[in-house]
Structures are given as structure tokens and as C-alpha cells.
């Protein structure tokens, strides 16, 4: 892309977010001359892209990829197409930011010299628990986080990409930031900063038939993510980020025999659904 670069590039990743995308965009610093905002719509079948086009006069730019997948779209835009920036901020299309969050993340990175900085959740039953664990572990929340320009440029130079079928980009990006693109043994807590002045609100899941279906799908995704993280951990401990496959399904045939559903009533059914999905993906990728 030939867009003139600005100090801060905000990337909003959105899939079928017509109900929330306007709230998300209205929470961003649209009038800040240092901030460029791109919305990456991927695989959507609703009016998300049309709503984003309505913000063109306010400087919001749209990329509309026909193919879905958050990690695939993250790779395609951030590593291949996005203009250069000093700070890259990432926001999910269903999140609303606390005022000042983008500048707070930028300041946090500039003052600390860290590779990544994370905003904190402001609502939800477990928000306080998540905030404490993030500070303790240096965690990232995919709803809103930032990466330094230097870190993104080194990702590009080294050709390190997220597996296209990765569920949840934040865990792997956090690990890559903590290790400074090295193996797990190079982990340094201080390379990811939690920024308490940056926060986000997410839509609470409603107790309706649609809401329950959405929550069930989310729980299966969480279970897939847990199994995927076990695969990624083994790769990071052995080969490092250079060993990450284009698609994690390539590693499923070797990994699946060692995966079993948790016996907890809370997770057993979701784990079974996750493993069934992974077995199907393994077969479609040519695995046994």
C-alpha cells in the first residue's frame, strides 16, 4: 500500500461485527493527526464493511478480505500490506476503548522499550481476575494491545508469521514478544507491559438462544486454542518461532493421539467438539 505513514497505526480486525463496529470506531481517536485507522474486514457476510465505508470522510480506511480467519488476515495486512508506523495498535471489532487508550499504549511502549503493551478489560465477571493475572504474567488480551514498530519490522524481516488457522492471536504474539523472537528459553517478562491507563469494554453475552449458541461456539474455540497452545509450546521449546508451520493442522496428526478431553463437566463436551474439529482439519490437510 502507498499510504503515507503516521506515528500510530490502529488496525481493527472485524468479522460479522455489524452490531458493534460503529461503537468500536466511535471510541477511537478519529481526529488525532498522528493516528491512522484501518479496519480489516475478513470473511464477513453482513454489513460490517458497508458501515465502515460510512467513516471514510473521517479518515477510516477499509480493507475487505473475502477469506476469513483472524490470524490469516493479521498476517496479510500487518506483515504484507500495512504502512510503516512507530506503534501498531490492534483492536477487535466488538471492543470499545476507554478514552485515551491508544495514546496510553503508545506512551507505555515508548517509555519502557518493550515489544508489546496490553490494555486491560474493564467489564465482565472475571475482569479483576484477568487484570491481576495479566500484571503477574505479562499477558496480552487480543481485544486491544500494541506492538512497537521495531518489533513488527523484525517480524517482517525474519518472515515469522502466525499459523493461518491459529485460534487467538494474542497468546502467540505475547510469546514472540516475551522471547524477542527467540526460543522459549529466552523469555523476558519485561518485554510485555500491561498498561493500566488503557482499557476496553466488550459486549456481555446475553442469556438468549442466540447468546447461548454464541457462547457454546466460543467455548469450543477456547478448547481448540488450548490444544493448539500445547503444540505451539513444543515448537517454541524446540525449534523456536522459525519452526511455526503455515497451518497448525499440519502438526495435528502427530499431536492428536496425545490429546484427551478434560474430565471436568465444564469442559468435557467442548473438548470433544474441539478434538473432532481438529481431526477433521487434520484429514483435510492431508494428515492421517
Protein backbone atom coordinates (compact mmCIF):
# COMPACT_ATOMS: atom_id res chain seq x y z
CA UNK A 1 0.00 0.00 0.00
CA UNK A 2 1.20 3.50 -0.76
CA UNK A 3 -0.44 5.31 2.15
CA UNK A 4 1.72 7.92 3.88
CA UNK A 5 2.79 6.59 7.25
CA UNK A 6 1.82 8.14 10.58
CA UNK A 7 3.30 7.51 14.03
CA UNK A 8 0.42 5.26 15.13
CA UNK A 9 -1.46 2.73 13.03
CA UNK A 10 -4.63 1.29 14.56
CA UNK A 11 -5.81 -1.96 12.99
CA UNK A 12 -9.37 -3.05 13.75
CA UNK A 13 -9.99 -6.69 12.89
CA UNK A 14 -13.66 -7.42 12.25
CA UNK A 15 -15.72 -10.44 11.18
CA UNK A 16 -19.51 -10.01 11.07
CA UNK A 17 -19.48 -7.14 13.55
CA UNK A 18 -22.30 -5.01 12.15
CA UNK A 19 -23.86 -4.68 15.61
CA UNK A 20 -20.69 -3.33 17.27
CA UNK A 21 -18.34 -1.86 14.68
CA UNK A 22 -19.73 1.69 14.88
CA UNK A 23 -19.39 1.69 18.67
CA UNK A 24 -15.81 0.47 18.25
CA UNK A 25 -14.87 3.15 15.71
CA UNK A 26 -16.55 5.93 17.70
CA UNK A 27 -14.31 5.02 20.66
CA UNK A 28 -11.12 5.55 18.63
CA UNK A 29 -9.21 8.85 18.26
CA UNK A 30 -10.50 9.56 14.76
CA UNK A 31 -9.41 13.20 14.81
CA UNK A 32 -5.85 12.63 16.06
CA UNK A 33 -3.45 13.66 13.25
CA UNK A 34 -0.84 11.16 14.50
CA UNK A 35 -3.20 8.20 14.20
CA UNK A 36 -4.16 6.28 11.06
CA UNK A 37 -7.05 3.82 11.38
CA UNK A 38 -7.59 0.79 9.17
CA UNK A 39 -10.44 -1.70 9.50
CA UNK A 40 -9.63 -5.18 8.22
CA UNK A 41 -12.92 -6.93 7.50
CA UNK A 42 -12.41 -10.62 6.83
CA UNK A 43 -14.87 -13.16 5.50
CA UNK A 44 -17.91 -11.17 6.62
CA UNK A 45 -21.38 -11.84 5.28
CA UNK A 46 -23.13 -8.93 7.00
CA UNK A 47 -22.97 -5.13 6.57
CA UNK A 48 -19.75 -4.56 8.55
CA UNK A 49 -17.82 -3.28 5.51
CA UNK A 50 -20.69 -1.00 4.45
CA UNK A 51 -20.80 0.59 7.90
CA UNK A 52 -17.03 1.14 7.84
CA UNK A 53 -17.28 2.86 4.45
CA UNK A 54 -19.51 5.42 6.13
CA UNK A 55 -16.48 6.53 8.17
CA UNK A 56 -14.30 7.25 5.13
CA UNK A 57 -14.81 11.02 5.45
CA UNK A 58 -13.38 10.79 8.97
CA UNK A 59 -10.21 9.14 7.73
CA UNK A 60 -11.03 5.48 8.40
CA UNK A 61 -9.69 3.15 5.70
CA UNK A 62 -11.14 -0.22 4.81
CA UNK A 63 -9.57 -3.48 3.71
CA UNK A 64 -12.17 -6.12 2.86
CA UNK A 65 -10.71 -9.61 2.51
CA UNK A 66 -13.10 -12.22 1.15
CA UNK A 67 -11.30 -15.01 3.01
CA UNK A 68 -11.98 -15.30 6.74
CA UNK A 69 -9.67 -16.07 9.63
CA UNK A 70 -8.30 -13.52 12.07
CA UNK A 71 -4.71 -14.82 12.09
CA UNK A 72 -4.62 -15.17 8.30
CA UNK A 73 -5.88 -11.60 7.94
CA UNK A 74 -3.43 -10.36 10.59
CA UNK A 75 -0.56 -11.82 8.57
CA UNK A 76 -1.82 -10.49 5.28
CA UNK A 77 -2.40 -6.93 6.44
CA UNK A 78 0.22 -6.33 9.12
CA UNK A 79 3.12 -8.22 7.56
CA UNK A 80 2.39 -7.69 3.86
CA UNK A 81 0.20 -4.64 3.26
CA UNK A 82 0.20 -2.18 6.16
CA UNK A 83 2.13 1.10 6.01
CA UNK A 84 5.05 1.58 8.38
CA UNK A 85 4.44 3.06 11.85
CA UNK A 86 6.20 3.66 15.13
CA UNK A 87 3.40 1.96 17.08
CA UNK A 88 0.86 -0.60 15.92
CA UNK A 89 -2.35 -0.84 17.95
CA UNK A 90 -4.75 -3.75 17.45
CA UNK A 91 -8.43 -3.66 18.37
CA UNK A 92 -11.16 -6.28 17.95
CA UNK A 93 -14.20 -5.04 16.09
CA UNK A 94 -16.53 -5.73 19.02
CA UNK A 95 -14.48 -3.76 21.59
CA UNK A 96 -14.96 -0.20 22.80
CA UNK A 97 -11.86 1.59 24.09
CA UNK A 98 -11.60 3.79 27.13
CA UNK A 99 -10.79 7.35 26.05
CA UNK A 100 -7.04 7.89 25.78
CA UNK A 101 -6.19 4.19 25.44
CA UNK A 102 -4.36 4.47 22.10
CA UNK A 103 -2.05 7.22 23.34
CA UNK A 104 -1.57 5.38 26.64
CA UNK A 105 -0.39 2.26 24.82
CA UNK A 106 1.91 4.33 22.63
CA UNK A 107 3.40 6.06 25.67
CA UNK A 108 3.80 2.77 27.53
CA UNK A 109 5.86 1.29 24.69
CA UNK A 110 7.98 4.39 24.19
CA UNK A 111 8.84 4.73 27.88
CA UNK A 112 9.52 1.05 28.52
CA UNK A 113 11.22 -0.02 25.31
CA UNK A 114 9.09 -3.19 25.43
CA UNK A 115 8.00 -5.11 22.35
CA UNK A 116 4.32 -5.13 23.32
CA UNK A 117 1.82 -3.45 25.61
CA UNK A 118 -1.66 -4.60 26.57
CA UNK A 119 -4.85 -2.82 27.52
CA UNK A 120 -6.94 -4.30 30.34
CA UNK A 121 -10.59 -5.47 30.39
CA UNK A 122 -12.98 -3.09 32.09
CA UNK A 123 -16.13 -5.22 32.30
CA UNK A 124 -17.15 -8.83 32.71
CA UNK A 125 -17.43 -11.05 35.79
CA UNK A 126 -13.75 -12.03 35.70
CA UNK A 127 -12.29 -8.66 34.72
CA UNK A 128 -10.49 -8.08 38.01
CA UNK A 129 -9.05 -11.61 37.97
CA UNK A 130 -7.81 -11.11 34.41
CA UNK A 131 -6.22 -7.76 35.29
CA UNK A 132 -4.29 -9.31 38.19
CA UNK A 133 -3.13 -12.30 36.15
CA UNK A 134 -2.07 -10.05 33.25
CA UNK A 135 0.16 -7.99 35.53
CA UNK A 136 1.58 -11.14 37.10
CA UNK A 137 2.22 -12.96 33.82
CA UNK A 138 2.73 -10.11 31.37
CA UNK A 139 -0.27 -11.26 29.37
CA UNK A 140 -1.87 -9.84 26.25
CA UNK A 141 -5.59 -9.57 25.57
CA UNK A 142 -6.45 -9.84 21.89
CA UNK A 143 -9.21 -7.24 22.25
CA UNK A 144 -6.66 -4.42 22.48
CA UNK A 145 -2.87 -4.43 22.51
CA UNK A 146 0.05 -2.65 20.85
CA UNK A 147 3.35 -3.65 19.26
CA UNK A 148 6.40 -1.49 18.72
CA UNK A 149 7.27 -0.60 15.14
CA UNK A 150 10.71 -2.14 15.56
CA UNK A 151 9.17 -5.45 16.65
CA UNK A 152 6.81 -5.54 13.65
CA UNK A 153 9.65 -4.71 11.26
CA UNK A 154 11.72 -7.59 12.69
CA UNK A 155 8.76 -9.96 12.25
CA UNK A 156 8.62 -8.93 8.59
CA UNK A 157 12.37 -9.21 8.05
CA UNK A 158 12.58 -12.68 9.58
CA UNK A 159 9.47 -13.94 7.84
CA UNK A 160 7.80 -15.01 11.10
CA UNK A 161 4.06 -15.39 10.61
CA UNK A 162 1.15 -16.63 12.67
CA UNK A 163 -0.22 -20.02 11.61
CA UNK A 164 -3.21 -19.15 9.43
CA UNK A 165 -5.56 -21.42 11.39
CA UNK A 166 -4.45 -20.20 14.82
CA UNK A 167 -7.36 -19.56 17.19
CA UNK A 168 -6.48 -16.47 19.20
CA UNK A 169 -3.54 -14.39 18.06
CA UNK A 170 -2.71 -12.87 21.43
CA UNK A 171 -1.11 -15.91 23.09
CA UNK A 172 1.46 -16.49 20.36
CA UNK A 173 2.11 -12.79 19.79
CA UNK A 174 2.70 -12.40 23.53
CA UNK A 175 5.16 -15.31 23.47
CA UNK A 176 7.01 -13.89 20.47
CA UNK A 177 7.24 -10.53 22.23
CA UNK A 178 8.39 -12.03 25.55
CA UNK A 179 11.13 -14.06 23.85
CA UNK A 180 12.15 -11.26 21.47
CA UNK A 181 11.55 -13.69 18.58
CA UNK A 182 13.70 -16.34 20.19
CA UNK A 183 13.01 -19.77 21.73
CA UNK A 184 11.03 -20.13 24.95
CA UNK A 185 14.27 -20.22 26.97
CA UNK A 186 14.82 -16.53 26.04
CA UNK A 187 11.61 -15.43 27.86
CA UNK A 188 11.85 -11.99 29.50
CA UNK A 189 8.88 -10.74 31.49
CA UNK A 190 9.68 -7.05 30.97
CA UNK A 191 9.28 -7.20 27.18
CA UNK A 192 5.46 -7.12 27.51
CA UNK A 193 3.94 -4.31 29.56
CA UNK A 194 0.42 -4.15 30.93
CA UNK A 195 -0.87 -0.59 30.59
CA UNK A 196 -3.47 0.19 33.29
CA UNK A 197 -4.39 3.51 31.61
CA UNK A 198 -5.58 1.65 28.51
CA UNK A 199 -8.81 -0.31 28.76
CA UNK A 200 -11.61 -1.82 26.71
CA UNK A 201 -15.22 -2.88 27.12
CA UNK A 202 -16.70 -5.93 25.43
CA UNK A 203 -20.33 -6.77 24.84
CA UNK A 204 -21.56 -9.11 27.58
CA UNK A 205 -23.02 -12.39 26.40
CA UNK A 206 -26.80 -12.26 26.73
CA UNK A 207 -28.92 -15.12 28.07
CA UNK A 208 -30.87 -15.69 24.86
CA UNK A 209 -30.93 -18.62 22.45
CA UNK A 210 -28.59 -16.72 20.12
CA UNK A 211 -26.37 -15.75 23.04
CA UNK A 212 -26.16 -19.32 24.30
CA UNK A 213 -25.24 -20.58 20.84
CA UNK A 214 -22.58 -17.90 20.58
CA UNK A 215 -21.18 -18.80 23.98
CA UNK A 216 -21.10 -22.50 23.08
CA UNK A 217 -19.14 -21.76 19.90
CA UNK A 218 -16.80 -19.55 21.91
CA UNK A 219 -16.16 -22.33 24.43
CA UNK A 220 -15.27 -24.77 21.64
CA UNK A 221 -12.86 -22.18 20.25
CA UNK A 222 -11.29 -21.83 23.69
CA UNK A 223 -10.81 -25.59 23.80
CA UNK A 224 -9.22 -25.65 20.33
CA UNK A 225 -6.98 -22.81 21.41
CA UNK A 226 -5.85 -24.76 24.48
CA UNK A 227 -4.83 -27.76 22.37
CA UNK A 228 -3.16 -25.51 19.79
CA UNK A 229 -1.17 -23.81 22.54
CA UNK A 230 0.26 -27.17 23.59
CA UNK A 231 1.53 -27.67 20.05
CA UNK A 232 2.95 -24.15 19.89
CA UNK A 233 4.70 -24.57 23.25
CA UNK A 234 6.51 -27.66 21.98
CA UNK A 235 7.60 -25.82 18.84
CA UNK A 236 8.81 -22.79 20.80
CA UNK A 237 10.77 -25.02 23.18
CA UNK A 238 12.48 -26.94 20.40
CA UNK A 239 12.78 -25.07 17.10
CA UNK A 240 11.69 -21.60 18.18
CA UNK A 241 9.44 -19.33 16.08
CA UNK A 242 11.17 -20.37 12.86
CA UNK A 243 9.50 -23.77 13.27
CA UNK A 244 5.93 -22.45 13.23
CA UNK A 245 4.01 -24.08 10.36
CA UNK A 246 1.84 -22.20 7.89
CA UNK A 247 -1.12 -24.05 9.38
CA UNK A 248 -1.23 -25.82 12.74
CA UNK A 249 -3.31 -28.57 11.14
CA UNK A 250 -0.01 -29.80 9.67
CA UNK A 251 1.01 -30.74 13.23
CA UNK A 252 -2.32 -32.33 14.22
CA UNK A 253 -1.61 -35.90 13.05
CA UNK A 254 1.39 -36.18 15.39
CA UNK A 255 -0.21 -34.31 18.28
CA UNK A 256 -3.81 -35.58 18.38
CA UNK A 257 -3.07 -39.07 19.77
CA UNK A 258 -1.75 -37.39 22.93
CA UNK A 259 -4.78 -35.13 23.44
CA UNK A 260 -7.70 -36.19 25.62
CA UNK A 261 -10.79 -34.27 26.77
CA UNK A 262 -10.64 -32.89 30.27
CA UNK A 263 -12.85 -34.83 32.67
CA UNK A 264 -14.29 -31.63 34.14
CA UNK A 265 -18.04 -31.38 33.44
CA UNK A 266 -17.45 -27.76 32.46
CA UNK A 267 -15.08 -28.68 29.64
CA UNK A 268 -15.58 -32.31 28.61
CA UNK A 269 -18.18 -31.72 25.87
CA UNK A 270 -16.37 -28.66 24.47
CA UNK A 271 -13.04 -30.50 24.40
CA UNK A 272 -14.67 -33.38 22.50
CA UNK A 273 -16.07 -30.93 19.95
CA UNK A 274 -12.69 -29.23 19.64
CA UNK A 275 -10.86 -32.51 19.06
CA UNK A 276 -13.43 -33.57 16.46
CA UNK A 277 -12.88 -30.28 14.62
CA UNK A 278 -9.10 -30.77 14.76
CA UNK A 279 -9.38 -34.34 13.46
CA UNK A 280 -11.45 -33.10 10.53
CA UNK A 281 -8.89 -30.35 9.81
CA UNK A 282 -6.09 -32.91 10.04
CA UNK A 283 -7.76 -35.03 7.39
CA UNK A 284 -8.38 -32.08 5.08
CA UNK A 285 -4.73 -31.04 5.36
CA UNK A 286 -3.57 -34.46 4.22
CA UNK A 287 -2.85 -35.90 7.66
CA UNK A 288 -3.78 -39.38 8.79
